Amino acid sequence: MPGKPELIVTELLRRYGRRYADEAGIKLADRPSPLYQLLVLATLLSARISADIAVAAAQELFKAGCRSPKAMAEASWQDRVDALGRGHYRRYDERTATMLGDGAALLADRWHGDLRRLRDEAGGGVQHMTKLLTEFPGIGPTGASIFLREAQDVWPSVAPYVDAAMLSGARRVGLPTGRDDLSELLSGCGEPGRLAAALVRVSLSQRAAGEVTAAVGD
């Protein structure tokens, strides 16, 4: 019979194991376009704005054709502003439109539009990847964590990736809060990106955490 942590993990995945990339319509894979789209989403999620609005803004950008660094750079600044506005990303639309254009140019110039080259430059090392990711406008340590949490499903060298938000979520639902213990659960579940997303969701919602603990019972 599974132990209590495994039961909690199962419940987390069942209720909240939906990656933000999935919500934004990104078919995550180890290819340039979906990885770039994940970077765009991480940029939007980094602002002090609700995740729902950030996801909606990403969807509007992708509908407008901004699915690659080339397409993002070729879109006019006003086109990017308008797409963000349709997603109700209005407090940060003008600044973010500029950052997305500058970030697309940086990715094209330095890594030929392919974030796998960034990963390879870092030698697969998470700390080095984090440092390189924070060179993109709008991506700080929080944005780098968002990207790596979700990318770990397609970048095995990153997995298992654990950050402070995930540890906070683990604490709320009664999972071990040591990094090594949580890393073991991530590896064991086979879908570390989905479990990471679930942990972040319960870290942000006491109600969600309560639903998981109530379902598992004492």
N, C-alpha and C. Protein backbone atom coordinates (compact mmCIF):
# COMPACT_ATOMS: atom_id res chain seq x y z
N MET A 1 0.85 -1.21 0.00
CA MET A 1 0.00 0.00 0.00
C MET A 1 0.88 1.24 0.00
N PRO A 2 0.58 2.27 -0.81
CA PRO A 2 1.40 3.47 -0.85
C PRO A 2 1.44 4.16 0.51
N GLY A 3 2.60 4.80 0.80
CA GLY A 3 2.72 5.57 2.02
C GLY A 3 2.00 6.90 1.89
N LYS A 4 1.92 7.61 3.00
CA LYS A 4 1.19 8.89 3.02
C LYS A 4 1.75 9.89 2.00
N PRO A 5 3.07 10.08 1.91
CA PRO A 5 3.56 11.05 0.90
C PRO A 5 3.13 10.69 -0.52
N GLU A 6 3.16 9.41 -0.85
CA GLU A 6 2.77 9.00 -2.19
C GLU A 6 1.29 9.27 -2.45
N LEU A 7 0.47 9.07 -1.42
CA LEU A 7 -0.96 9.37 -1.56
C LEU A 7 -1.19 10.86 -1.78
N ILE A 8 -0.44 11.68 -1.05
CA ILE A 8 -0.55 13.13 -1.22
C ILE A 8 -0.13 13.54 -2.63
N VAL A 9 0.96 12.95 -3.11
CA VAL A 9 1.43 13.26 -4.46
C VAL A 9 0.37 12.88 -5.49
N THR A 10 -0.23 11.72 -5.34
CA THR A 10 -1.28 11.28 -6.26
C THR A 10 -2.44 12.27 -6.27
N GLU A 11 -2.83 12.74 -5.10
CA GLU A 11 -3.94 13.69 -5.00
C GLU A 11 -3.56 15.04 -5.58
N LEU A 12 -2.33 15.48 -5.35
CA LEU A 12 -1.86 16.73 -5.93
C LEU A 12 -1.91 16.67 -7.45
N LEU A 13 -1.42 15.59 -8.01
CA LEU A 13 -1.41 15.46 -9.46
C LEU A 13 -2.83 15.40 -10.02
N ARG A 14 -3.71 14.70 -9.33
CA ARG A 14 -5.08 14.56 -9.81
C ARG A 14 -5.82 15.88 -9.81
N ARG A 15 -5.65 16.66 -8.74
CA ARG A 15 -6.42 17.88 -8.59
C ARG A 15 -5.76 19.10 -9.25
N TYR A 16 -4.44 19.22 -9.12
CA TYR A 16 -3.78 20.47 -9.51
C TYR A 16 -2.54 20.28 -10.39
N GLY A 17 -2.38 19.07 -10.93
CA GLY A 17 -1.18 18.79 -11.72
C GLY A 17 -1.26 19.26 -13.16
N ARG A 18 -1.63 20.48 -13.35
CA ARG A 18 -1.71 21.05 -14.71
C ARG A 18 -0.67 22.15 -14.81
N ARG A 19 0.29 21.96 -15.69
CA ARG A 19 1.34 22.96 -15.86
C ARG A 19 0.75 24.25 -16.42
N TYR A 20 1.37 25.36 -16.07
CA TYR A 20 0.93 26.64 -16.62
C TYR A 20 1.11 26.65 -18.14
N ALA A 21 2.13 25.94 -18.62
CA ALA A 21 2.33 25.84 -20.07
C ALA A 21 1.13 25.18 -20.73
N ASP A 22 0.59 24.15 -20.09
CA ASP A 22 -0.60 23.47 -20.64
C ASP A 22 -1.76 24.45 -20.73
N GLU A 23 -1.96 25.24 -19.69
CA GLU A 23 -3.06 26.20 -19.69
C GLU A 23 -2.92 27.22 -20.81
N ALA A 24 -1.68 27.58 -21.11
CA ALA A 24 -1.43 28.58 -22.15
C ALA A 24 -1.47 27.98 -23.55
N GLY A 25 -1.69 26.68 -23.64
CA GLY A 25 -1.75 26.03 -24.94
C GLY A 25 -0.39 25.70 -25.54
N ILE A 26 0.64 25.66 -24.69
CA ILE A 26 1.98 25.32 -25.16
C ILE A 26 2.15 23.81 -25.13
N LYS A 27 2.44 23.21 -26.27
CA LYS A 27 2.72 21.78 -26.32
C LYS A 27 4.20 21.58 -26.04
N LEU A 28 4.49 21.51 -24.75
CA LEU A 28 5.88 21.56 -24.31
C LEU A 28 6.69 20.39 -24.86
N ALA A 29 7.81 20.71 -25.46
CA ALA A 29 8.71 19.72 -26.03
C ALA A 29 10.10 20.35 -26.11
N ASP A 30 11.10 19.50 -26.29
CA ASP A 30 12.47 20.00 -26.37
C ASP A 30 12.77 20.49 -27.78
N ARG A 31 12.02 21.52 -28.17
CA ARG A 31 12.18 22.14 -29.49
C ARG A 31 12.18 23.66 -29.32
N PRO A 32 12.75 24.39 -30.26
CA PRO A 32 12.91 25.84 -30.09
C PRO A 32 11.61 26.60 -29.84
N SER A 33 10.56 26.35 -30.63
CA SER A 33 9.34 27.17 -30.50
C SER A 33 8.64 26.98 -29.16
N PRO A 34 8.33 25.75 -28.73
CA PRO A 34 7.66 25.62 -27.43
C PRO A 34 8.52 26.10 -26.26
N LEU A 35 9.82 25.92 -26.34
CA LEU A 35 10.69 26.42 -25.26
C LEU A 35 10.66 27.95 -25.22
N TYR A 36 10.64 28.57 -26.39
CA TYR A 36 10.53 30.03 -26.41
C TYR A 36 9.19 30.47 -25.86
N GLN A 37 8.13 29.79 -26.23
CA GLN A 37 6.80 30.15 -25.71
C GLN A 37 6.76 30.03 -24.19
N LEU A 38 7.44 29.03 -23.65
CA LEU A 38 7.53 28.90 -22.19
C LEU A 38 8.27 30.08 -21.59
N LEU A 39 9.31 30.56 -22.27
CA LEU A 39 10.04 31.73 -21.79
C LEU A 39 9.13 32.97 -21.77
N VAL A 40 8.32 33.13 -22.82
CA VAL A 40 7.36 34.24 -22.86
C VAL A 40 6.39 34.13 -21.69
N LEU A 41 5.88 32.95 -21.46
CA LEU A 41 4.94 32.75 -20.35
C LEU A 41 5.61 33.05 -19.01
N ALA A 42 6.84 32.62 -18.83
CA ALA A 42 7.57 32.89 -17.58
C ALA A 42 7.76 34.39 -17.39
N THR A 43 8.00 35.11 -18.48
CA THR A 43 8.14 36.56 -18.40
C THR A 43 6.84 37.19 -17.90
N LEU A 44 5.72 36.74 -18.46
CA LEU A 44 4.42 37.30 -18.08
C LEU A 44 4.05 36.93 -16.65
N LEU A 45 4.36 35.72 -16.24
CA LEU A 45 4.05 35.27 -14.88
C LEU A 45 4.92 35.95 -13.83
N SER A 46 6.02 36.55 -14.26
CA SER A 46 6.94 37.18 -13.30
C SER A 46 6.41 38.48 -12.72
N ALA A 47 5.47 39.11 -13.42
CA ALA A 47 4.92 40.39 -12.94
C ALA A 47 3.96 40.15 -11.78
N ARG A 48 3.68 41.21 -11.05
CA ARG A 48 2.73 41.12 -9.94
C ARG A 48 1.31 41.20 -10.48
N ILE A 49 0.91 40.10 -11.07
CA ILE A 49 -0.39 40.02 -11.72
C ILE A 49 -0.86 38.58 -11.60
N SER A 50 -2.15 38.34 -11.69
CA SER A 50 -2.65 36.98 -11.47
C SER A 50 -2.17 36.04 -12.57
N ALA A 51 -2.01 34.78 -12.18
CA ALA A 51 -1.57 33.77 -13.15
C ALA A 51 -2.57 33.63 -14.28
N ASP A 52 -3.87 33.75 -13.98
CA ASP A 52 -4.90 33.63 -15.02
C ASP A 52 -4.73 34.70 -16.09
N ILE A 53 -4.42 35.92 -15.67
CA ILE A 53 -4.23 37.00 -16.63
C ILE A 53 -2.96 36.78 -17.44
N ALA A 54 -1.89 36.34 -16.77
CA ALA A 54 -0.64 36.07 -17.48
C ALA A 54 -0.84 34.99 -18.54
N VAL A 55 -1.57 33.94 -18.18
CA VAL A 55 -1.84 32.86 -19.14
C VAL A 55 -2.69 33.38 -20.31
N ALA A 56 -3.70 34.18 -19.99
CA ALA A 56 -4.55 34.74 -21.05
C ALA A 56 -3.75 35.64 -21.99
N ALA A 57 -2.83 36.41 -21.43
CA ALA A 57 -2.00 37.28 -22.25
C ALA A 57 -1.08 36.47 -23.16
N ALA A 58 -0.54 35.39 -22.62
CA ALA A 58 0.31 34.52 -23.45
C ALA A 58 -0.51 33.93 -24.59
N GLN A 59 -1.71 33.49 -24.30
CA GLN A 59 -2.57 32.94 -25.35
C GLN A 59 -2.83 33.95 -26.46
N GLU A 60 -3.05 35.20 -26.08
CA GLU A 60 -3.32 36.24 -27.08
C GLU A 60 -2.08 36.53 -27.92
N LEU A 61 -0.91 36.53 -27.30
CA LEU A 61 0.33 36.73 -28.06
C LEU A 61 0.52 35.60 -29.07
N PHE A 62 0.26 34.37 -28.64
CA PHE A 62 0.44 33.23 -29.53
C PHE A 62 -0.60 33.25 -30.66
N LYS A 63 -1.84 33.65 -30.33
CA LYS A 63 -2.87 33.78 -31.38
C LYS A 63 -2.45 34.82 -32.41
N ALA A 64 -1.74 35.85 -31.95
CA ALA A 64 -1.29 36.91 -32.86
C ALA A 64 -0.07 36.49 -33.68
N GLY A 65 0.39 35.26 -33.46
CA GLY A 65 1.50 34.73 -34.25
C GLY A 65 2.85 34.80 -33.59
N CYS A 66 2.92 35.34 -32.38
CA CYS A 66 4.21 35.53 -31.70
C CYS A 66 4.65 34.24 -31.00
N ARG A 67 4.93 33.22 -31.81
CA ARG A 67 5.27 31.92 -31.26
C ARG A 67 6.75 31.59 -31.35
N SER A 68 7.52 32.47 -31.95
CA SER A 68 8.96 32.25 -32.09
C SER A 68 9.66 33.59 -31.87
N PRO A 69 10.95 33.58 -31.57
CA PRO A 69 11.67 34.84 -31.40
C PRO A 69 11.60 35.72 -32.65
N LYS A 70 11.68 35.09 -33.82
CA LYS A 70 11.62 35.85 -35.07
C LYS A 70 10.27 36.53 -35.21
N ALA A 71 9.20 35.80 -34.96
CA ALA A 71 7.86 36.37 -35.09
C ALA A 71 7.63 37.46 -34.05
N MET A 72 8.13 37.26 -32.83
CA MET A 72 7.97 38.27 -31.79
C MET A 72 8.71 39.55 -32.17
N ALA A 73 9.93 39.40 -32.69
CA ALA A 73 10.72 40.57 -33.06
C ALA A 73 10.12 41.30 -34.25
N GLU A 74 9.51 40.54 -35.17
CA GLU A 74 8.94 41.17 -36.36
C GLU A 74 7.59 41.82 -36.10
N ALA A 75 6.89 41.38 -35.04
CA ALA A 75 5.64 42.04 -34.67
C ALA A 75 5.93 43.46 -34.21
N SER A 76 5.07 44.38 -34.52
CA SER A 76 5.30 45.76 -34.07
C SER A 76 5.07 45.85 -32.56
N TRP A 77 5.67 46.86 -31.99
CA TRP A 77 5.47 47.10 -30.55
C TRP A 77 3.98 47.25 -30.25
N GLN A 78 3.26 47.96 -31.11
CA GLN A 78 1.82 48.16 -30.89
C GLN A 78 1.05 46.84 -30.99
N ASP A 79 1.46 45.98 -31.90
CA ASP A 79 0.80 44.67 -32.00
C ASP A 79 0.97 43.89 -30.70
N ARG A 80 2.15 43.97 -30.12
CA ARG A 80 2.38 43.25 -28.86
C ARG A 80 1.57 43.88 -27.73
N VAL A 81 1.53 45.20 -27.69
CA VAL A 81 0.72 45.89 -26.68
C VAL A 81 -0.74 45.50 -26.81
N ASP A 82 -1.24 45.47 -28.04
CA ASP A 82 -2.65 45.15 -28.26
C ASP A 82 -2.97 43.72 -27.82
N ALA A 83 -2.06 42.78 -28.13
CA ALA A 83 -2.29 41.39 -27.72
C ALA A 83 -2.32 41.26 -26.20
N LEU A 84 -1.39 41.94 -25.55
CA LEU A 84 -1.37 41.92 -24.08
C LEU A 84 -2.64 42.54 -23.51
N GLY A 85 -3.10 43.59 -24.15
CA GLY A 85 -4.34 44.23 -23.70
C GLY A 85 -5.54 43.32 -23.82
N ARG A 86 -5.60 42.55 -24.91
CA ARG A 86 -6.71 41.61 -25.08
C ARG A 86 -6.71 40.54 -23.99
N GLY A 87 -5.53 40.27 -23.44
CA GLY A 87 -5.43 39.34 -22.32
C GLY A 87 -5.59 40.02 -20.97
N HIS A 88 -5.96 41.32 -21.00
CA HIS A 88 -6.17 42.13 -19.78
C HIS A 88 -4.88 42.34 -18.98
N TYR A 89 -3.75 42.29 -19.68
CA TYR A 89 -2.44 42.49 -19.05
C TYR A 89 -2.10 43.98 -19.17
N ARG A 90 -2.99 44.83 -18.65
CA ARG A 90 -2.91 46.24 -19.01
C ARG A 90 -1.99 47.07 -18.12
N ARG A 91 -1.77 46.67 -16.90
CA ARG A 91 -0.90 47.48 -16.03
C ARG A 91 0.54 47.49 -16.51
N TYR A 92 0.93 46.41 -17.20
CA TYR A 92 2.33 46.26 -17.60
C TYR A 92 2.50 46.12 -19.10
N ASP A 93 1.45 46.43 -19.88
CA ASP A 93 1.49 46.08 -21.29
C ASP A 93 2.60 46.76 -22.08
N GLU A 94 2.77 48.06 -21.91
CA GLU A 94 3.75 48.78 -22.72
C GLU A 94 5.18 48.35 -22.38
N ARG A 95 5.47 48.28 -21.10
CA ARG A 95 6.81 47.87 -20.66
C ARG A 95 7.08 46.43 -21.08
N THR A 96 6.10 45.56 -20.91
CA THR A 96 6.29 44.16 -21.26
C THR A 96 6.45 43.98 -22.76
N ALA A 97 5.73 44.75 -23.56
CA ALA A 97 5.88 44.67 -25.01
C ALA A 97 7.30 44.98 -25.43
N THR A 98 7.89 45.96 -24.78
CA THR A 98 9.29 46.31 -25.06
C THR A 98 10.22 45.19 -24.63
N MET A 99 10.00 44.64 -23.43
CA MET A 99 10.87 43.58 -22.92
C MET A 99 10.80 42.33 -23.80
N LEU A 100 9.61 42.00 -24.28
CA LEU A 100 9.48 40.82 -25.13
C LEU A 100 10.22 41.00 -26.45
N GLY A 101 10.16 42.20 -27.01
CA GLY A 101 10.90 42.47 -28.23
C GLY A 101 12.40 42.40 -28.01
N ASP A 102 12.86 42.99 -26.91
CA ASP A 102 14.30 42.96 -26.60
C ASP A 102 14.77 41.54 -26.29
N GLY A 103 13.93 40.78 -25.58
CA GLY A 103 14.30 39.41 -25.25
C GLY A 103 14.38 38.53 -26.49
N ALA A 104 13.47 38.72 -27.42
CA ALA A 104 13.50 37.95 -28.66
C ALA A 104 14.78 38.25 -29.44
N ALA A 105 15.17 39.53 -29.45
CA ALA A 105 16.41 39.91 -30.15
C ALA A 105 17.62 39.28 -29.48
N LEU A 106 17.64 39.27 -28.15
CA LEU A 106 18.76 38.67 -27.43
C LEU A 106 18.86 37.18 -27.73
N LEU A 107 17.73 36.49 -27.70
CA LEU A 107 17.74 35.06 -27.97
C LEU A 107 18.21 34.76 -29.39
N ALA A 108 17.76 35.57 -30.35
CA ALA A 108 18.16 35.37 -31.74
C ALA A 108 19.64 35.63 -31.93
N ASP A 109 20.13 36.70 -31.33
CA ASP A 109 21.53 37.10 -31.55
C ASP A 109 22.52 36.19 -30.82
N ARG A 110 22.21 35.82 -29.59
CA ARG A 110 23.19 35.09 -28.78
C ARG A 110 23.06 33.58 -28.91
N TRP A 111 21.81 33.08 -29.02
CA TRP A 111 21.61 31.62 -29.05
C TRP A 111 20.87 31.17 -30.30
N HIS A 112 20.87 32.02 -31.35
CA HIS A 112 20.28 31.67 -32.64
C HIS A 112 18.83 31.22 -32.49
N GLY A 113 18.11 31.81 -31.54
CA GLY A 113 16.69 31.54 -31.37
C GLY A 113 16.37 30.22 -30.69
N ASP A 114 17.38 29.58 -30.13
CA ASP A 114 17.20 28.22 -29.60
C ASP A 114 17.68 28.14 -28.15
N LEU A 115 16.73 28.00 -27.23
CA LEU A 115 17.09 27.93 -25.81
C LEU A 115 17.86 26.67 -25.46
N ARG A 116 17.86 25.68 -26.31
CA ARG A 116 18.68 24.50 -26.06
C ARG A 116 20.16 24.87 -26.11
N ARG A 117 20.50 25.89 -26.87
CA ARG A 117 21.88 26.36 -26.91
C ARG A 117 22.26 27.02 -25.58
N LEU A 118 21.31 27.72 -24.99
CA LEU A 118 21.54 28.28 -23.64
C LEU A 118 21.79 27.16 -22.65
N ARG A 119 20.96 26.13 -22.69
CA ARG A 119 21.13 24.97 -21.80
C ARG A 119 22.51 24.34 -22.00
N ASP A 120 22.91 24.19 -23.25
CA ASP A 120 24.20 23.56 -23.53
C ASP A 120 25.35 24.46 -23.08
N GLU A 121 25.19 25.76 -23.25
CA GLU A 121 26.23 26.69 -22.78
C GLU A 121 26.42 26.57 -21.27
N ALA A 122 25.31 26.29 -20.58
CA ALA A 122 25.37 26.14 -19.12
C ALA A 122 25.88 24.76 -18.72
N GLY A 123 26.10 23.88 -19.69
CA GLY A 123 26.56 22.55 -19.36
C GLY A 123 25.54 21.74 -18.59
N GLY A 124 24.27 22.11 -18.71
CA GLY A 124 23.22 21.42 -17.98
C GLY A 124 23.13 21.81 -16.52
N GLY A 125 23.98 22.73 -16.08
CA GLY A 125 23.98 23.14 -14.68
C GLY A 125 22.87 24.12 -14.37
N VAL A 126 22.08 23.83 -13.34
CA VAL A 126 20.92 24.66 -13.03
C VAL A 126 21.32 26.08 -12.64
N GLN A 127 22.35 26.21 -11.82
CA GLN A 127 22.76 27.56 -11.39
C GLN A 127 23.20 28.40 -12.57
N HIS A 128 23.95 27.81 -13.47
CA HIS A 128 24.41 28.55 -14.65
C HIS A 128 23.23 28.88 -15.56
N MET A 129 22.31 27.93 -15.72
CA MET A 129 21.12 28.19 -16.53
C MET A 129 20.32 29.35 -15.95
N THR A 130 20.18 29.34 -14.62
CA THR A 130 19.45 30.42 -13.96
C THR A 130 20.10 31.76 -14.25
N LYS A 131 21.40 31.82 -14.15
CA LYS A 131 22.13 33.07 -14.41
C LYS A 131 21.90 33.53 -15.85
N LEU A 132 21.96 32.61 -16.81
CA LEU A 132 21.77 32.99 -18.21
C LEU A 132 20.32 33.43 -18.47
N LEU A 133 19.37 32.75 -17.87
CA LEU A 133 17.96 33.11 -18.07
C LEU A 133 17.66 34.52 -17.55
N THR A 134 18.32 34.90 -16.45
CA THR A 134 18.04 36.21 -15.88
C THR A 134 18.64 37.34 -16.72
N GLU A 135 19.35 37.01 -17.77
CA GLU A 135 19.82 38.05 -18.69
C GLU A 135 18.71 38.54 -19.62
N PHE A 136 17.61 37.77 -19.68
CA PHE A 136 16.48 38.22 -20.49
C PHE A 136 15.71 39.30 -19.75
N PRO A 137 15.31 40.37 -20.45
CA PRO A 137 14.52 41.42 -19.81
C PRO A 137 13.23 40.83 -19.22
N GLY A 138 12.95 41.19 -17.98
CA GLY A 138 11.73 40.73 -17.33
C GLY A 138 11.86 39.39 -16.64
N ILE A 139 12.99 38.72 -16.81
CA ILE A 139 13.22 37.42 -16.16
C ILE A 139 14.23 37.63 -15.03
N GLY A 140 13.75 37.58 -13.80
CA GLY A 140 14.62 37.58 -12.64
C GLY A 140 14.70 36.17 -12.09
N PRO A 141 15.18 36.01 -10.86
CA PRO A 141 15.24 34.67 -10.27
C PRO A 141 13.89 33.97 -10.23
N THR A 142 12.81 34.74 -9.98
CA THR A 142 11.47 34.13 -9.96
C THR A 142 11.09 33.60 -11.35
N GLY A 143 11.31 34.40 -12.37
CA GLY A 143 11.00 33.97 -13.73
C GLY A 143 11.83 32.78 -14.17
N ALA A 144 13.11 32.77 -13.79
CA ALA A 144 13.96 31.62 -14.12
C ALA A 144 13.43 30.35 -13.45
N SER A 145 12.98 30.49 -12.20
CA SER A 145 12.41 29.33 -11.50
C SER A 145 11.15 28.83 -12.18
N ILE A 146 10.29 29.76 -12.60
CA ILE A 146 9.07 29.37 -13.31
C ILE A 146 9.42 28.57 -14.56
N PHE A 147 10.38 29.08 -15.33
CA PHE A 147 10.78 28.40 -16.56
C PHE A 147 11.32 27.01 -16.26
N LEU A 148 12.24 26.90 -15.31
CA LEU A 148 12.90 25.63 -15.03
C LEU A 148 11.96 24.62 -14.39
N ARG A 149 11.01 25.10 -13.56
CA ARG A 149 10.03 24.18 -12.98
C ARG A 149 9.28 23.42 -14.07
N GLU A 150 8.89 24.14 -15.12
CA GLU A 150 8.09 23.53 -16.17
C GLU A 150 8.96 22.83 -17.21
N ALA A 151 10.14 23.36 -17.46
CA ALA A 151 11.02 22.77 -18.47
C ALA A 151 11.60 21.43 -18.02
N GLN A 152 11.57 21.15 -16.71
CA GLN A 152 12.21 19.93 -16.24
C GLN A 152 11.59 18.66 -16.83
N ASP A 153 10.36 18.74 -17.31
CA ASP A 153 9.75 17.57 -17.95
C ASP A 153 10.40 17.24 -19.30
N VAL A 154 11.01 18.24 -19.93
CA VAL A 154 11.64 17.99 -21.24
C VAL A 154 13.15 18.22 -21.20
N TRP A 155 13.65 18.72 -20.08
CA TRP A 155 15.09 18.86 -19.88
C TRP A 155 15.50 18.00 -18.69
N PRO A 156 15.81 16.73 -18.91
CA PRO A 156 16.14 15.82 -17.81
C PRO A 156 17.29 16.30 -16.93
N SER A 157 18.20 17.07 -17.50
CA SER A 157 19.34 17.54 -16.70
C SER A 157 18.91 18.51 -15.61
N VAL A 158 17.72 19.09 -15.75
CA VAL A 158 17.21 20.03 -14.75
C VAL A 158 16.50 19.30 -13.61
N ALA A 159 15.87 18.17 -13.94
CA ALA A 159 15.05 17.45 -12.97
C ALA A 159 15.91 16.63 -12.00
N PRO A 160 15.45 16.51 -10.75
CA PRO A 160 14.27 17.16 -10.17
C PRO A 160 14.61 18.58 -9.71
N TYR A 161 13.79 19.53 -10.13
CA TYR A 161 14.01 20.93 -9.79
C TYR A 161 13.10 21.31 -8.63
N VAL A 162 13.69 21.87 -7.59
CA VAL A 162 12.95 22.27 -6.39
C VAL A 162 13.28 23.73 -6.08
N ASP A 163 12.23 24.52 -5.80
CA ASP A 163 12.47 25.91 -5.39
C ASP A 163 11.64 26.23 -4.15
N ALA A 164 11.75 27.47 -3.70
CA ALA A 164 11.10 27.86 -2.44
C ALA A 164 9.59 27.75 -2.51
N ALA A 165 8.99 28.10 -3.65
CA ALA A 165 7.53 28.02 -3.78
C ALA A 165 7.05 26.58 -3.64
N MET A 166 7.79 25.65 -4.21
CA MET A 166 7.42 24.24 -4.11
C MET A 166 7.57 23.74 -2.67
N LEU A 167 8.61 24.16 -1.99
CA LEU A 167 8.80 23.77 -0.60
C LEU A 167 7.67 24.31 0.27
N SER A 168 7.22 25.54 -0.03
CA SER A 168 6.10 26.12 0.70
C SER A 168 4.83 25.29 0.48
N GLY A 169 4.59 24.87 -0.75
CA GLY A 169 3.44 24.04 -1.05
C GLY A 169 3.53 22.69 -0.35
N ALA A 170 4.72 22.11 -0.34
CA ALA A 170 4.91 20.82 0.33
C ALA A 170 4.57 20.94 1.81
N ARG A 171 4.98 22.02 2.41
CA ARG A 171 4.70 22.24 3.85
C ARG A 171 3.20 22.31 4.10
N ARG A 172 2.48 22.96 3.20
CA ARG A 172 1.05 23.13 3.40
C ARG A 172 0.26 21.82 3.34
N VAL A 173 0.76 20.87 2.57
CA VAL A 173 0.01 19.62 2.42
C VAL A 173 0.63 18.46 3.19
N GLY A 174 1.66 18.76 3.98
CA GLY A 174 2.24 17.73 4.83
C GLY A 174 3.26 16.83 4.18
N LEU A 175 3.85 17.28 3.06
CA LEU A 175 4.94 16.53 2.44
C LEU A 175 6.27 16.91 3.09
N PRO A 176 7.28 16.06 2.96
CA PRO A 176 8.60 16.41 3.49
C PRO A 176 9.10 17.72 2.88
N THR A 177 9.74 18.54 3.69
CA THR A 177 10.20 19.84 3.20
C THR A 177 11.71 19.92 3.05
N GLY A 178 12.39 18.81 3.21
CA GLY A 178 13.80 18.78 2.87
C GLY A 178 13.96 18.68 1.37
N ARG A 179 14.92 19.38 0.81
CA ARG A 179 15.09 19.37 -0.65
C ARG A 179 15.34 17.97 -1.18
N ASP A 180 16.15 17.19 -0.48
CA ASP A 180 16.46 15.84 -0.96
C ASP A 180 15.21 14.97 -0.96
N ASP A 181 14.42 15.08 0.11
CA ASP A 181 13.20 14.26 0.20
C ASP A 181 12.20 14.65 -0.88
N LEU A 182 12.03 15.96 -1.10
CA LEU A 182 11.09 16.40 -2.12
C LEU A 182 11.60 16.05 -3.51
N SER A 183 12.91 16.14 -3.71
CA SER A 183 13.49 15.75 -5.00
C SER A 183 13.20 14.28 -5.30
N GLU A 184 13.26 13.45 -4.27
CA GLU A 184 12.99 12.02 -4.45
C GLU A 184 11.55 11.79 -4.88
N LEU A 185 10.62 12.55 -4.29
CA LEU A 185 9.21 12.41 -4.67
C LEU A 185 9.00 12.89 -6.11
N LEU A 186 9.66 13.97 -6.49
CA LEU A 186 9.54 14.46 -7.86
C LEU A 186 10.04 13.42 -8.86
N SER A 187 11.19 12.83 -8.55
CA SER A 187 11.75 11.82 -9.44
C SER A 187 10.85 10.60 -9.50
N GLY A 188 10.30 10.21 -8.37
CA GLY A 188 9.49 9.01 -8.30
C GLY A 188 8.16 9.11 -9.00
N CYS A 189 7.61 10.34 -9.09
CA CYS A 189 6.28 10.48 -9.69
C CYS A 189 6.31 10.39 -11.21
N GLY A 190 7.47 10.59 -11.80
CA GLY A 190 7.61 10.48 -13.25
C GLY A 190 7.18 11.69 -14.04
N GLU A 191 6.55 12.65 -13.37
CA GLU A 191 6.10 13.88 -14.02
C GLU A 191 6.44 15.07 -13.13
N PRO A 192 7.72 15.35 -12.97
CA PRO A 192 8.12 16.37 -12.01
C PRO A 192 7.57 17.76 -12.32
N GLY A 193 7.40 18.09 -13.60
CA GLY A 193 6.85 19.40 -13.94
C GLY A 193 5.41 19.54 -13.48
N ARG A 194 4.63 18.49 -13.63
CA ARG A 194 3.24 18.52 -13.17
C ARG A 194 3.16 18.61 -11.65
N LEU A 195 4.01 17.85 -10.95
CA LEU A 195 3.99 17.91 -9.50
C LEU A 195 4.47 19.28 -9.02
N ALA A 196 5.47 19.84 -9.69
CA ALA A 196 5.94 21.18 -9.34
C ALA A 196 4.81 22.20 -9.47
N ALA A 197 4.04 22.12 -10.56
CA ALA A 197 2.93 23.05 -10.75
C ALA A 197 1.89 22.89 -9.65
N ALA A 198 1.60 21.64 -9.28
CA ALA A 198 0.61 21.39 -8.23
C ALA A 198 1.08 21.97 -6.90
N LEU A 199 2.35 21.80 -6.60
CA LEU A 199 2.89 22.34 -5.34
C LEU A 199 2.82 23.87 -5.31
N VAL A 200 3.09 24.49 -6.44
CA VAL A 200 2.99 25.94 -6.50
C VAL A 200 1.54 26.38 -6.30
N ARG A 201 0.62 25.68 -6.90
CA ARG A 201 -0.79 26.05 -6.78
C ARG A 201 -1.26 25.97 -5.33
N VAL A 202 -0.86 24.91 -4.61
CA VAL A 202 -1.29 24.82 -3.21
C VAL A 202 -0.53 25.81 -2.33
N SER A 203 0.66 26.22 -2.77
CA SER A 203 1.38 27.24 -2.01
C SER A 203 0.67 28.59 -2.07
N LEU A 204 -0.09 28.79 -3.15
CA LEU A 204 -0.79 30.06 -3.37
C LEU A 204 -2.22 30.05 -2.85
N SER A 205 -2.73 28.88 -2.48
CA SER A 205 -4.13 28.78 -2.09
C SER A 205 -4.29 27.84 -0.89
N GLN A 206 -4.65 28.42 0.24
CA GLN A 206 -4.91 27.59 1.41
C GLN A 206 -6.11 26.67 1.17
N ARG A 207 -7.08 27.14 0.40
CA ARG A 207 -8.24 26.31 0.08
C ARG A 207 -7.81 25.07 -0.69
N ALA A 208 -6.96 25.26 -1.69
CA ALA A 208 -6.50 24.12 -2.49
C ALA A 208 -5.72 23.14 -1.62
N ALA A 209 -4.86 23.66 -0.76
CA ALA A 209 -4.09 22.80 0.15
C ALA A 209 -5.02 22.02 1.06
N GLY A 210 -6.07 22.69 1.55
CA GLY A 210 -7.02 22.02 2.43
C GLY A 210 -7.76 20.91 1.73
N GLU A 211 -8.09 21.11 0.45
CA GLU A 211 -8.78 20.07 -0.31
C GLU A 211 -7.93 18.82 -0.43
N VAL A 212 -6.63 19.02 -0.66
CA VAL A 212 -5.73 17.87 -0.81
C VAL A 212 -5.60 17.12 0.51
N THR A 213 -5.37 17.84 1.59
CA THR A 213 -5.19 17.17 2.88
C THR A 213 -6.48 16.50 3.33
N ALA A 214 -7.63 17.12 3.04
CA ALA A 214 -8.90 16.50 3.42
C ALA A 214 -9.14 15.22 2.62
N ALA A 215 -8.78 15.22 1.36
CA ALA A 215 -8.99 14.04 0.53
C ALA A 215 -8.14 12.86 0.97
N VAL A 216 -6.93 13.17 1.42
CA VAL A 216 -6.02 12.10 1.85
C VAL A 216 -6.39 11.61 3.24
N GLY A 217 -6.87 12.52 4.09
CA GLY A 217 -7.26 12.16 5.46
C GLY A 217 -6.06 12.04 6.36
N ASP A 218 -6.34 11.76 7.62
CA ASP A 218 -5.27 11.67 8.63
C ASP A 218 -4.57 10.31 8.53
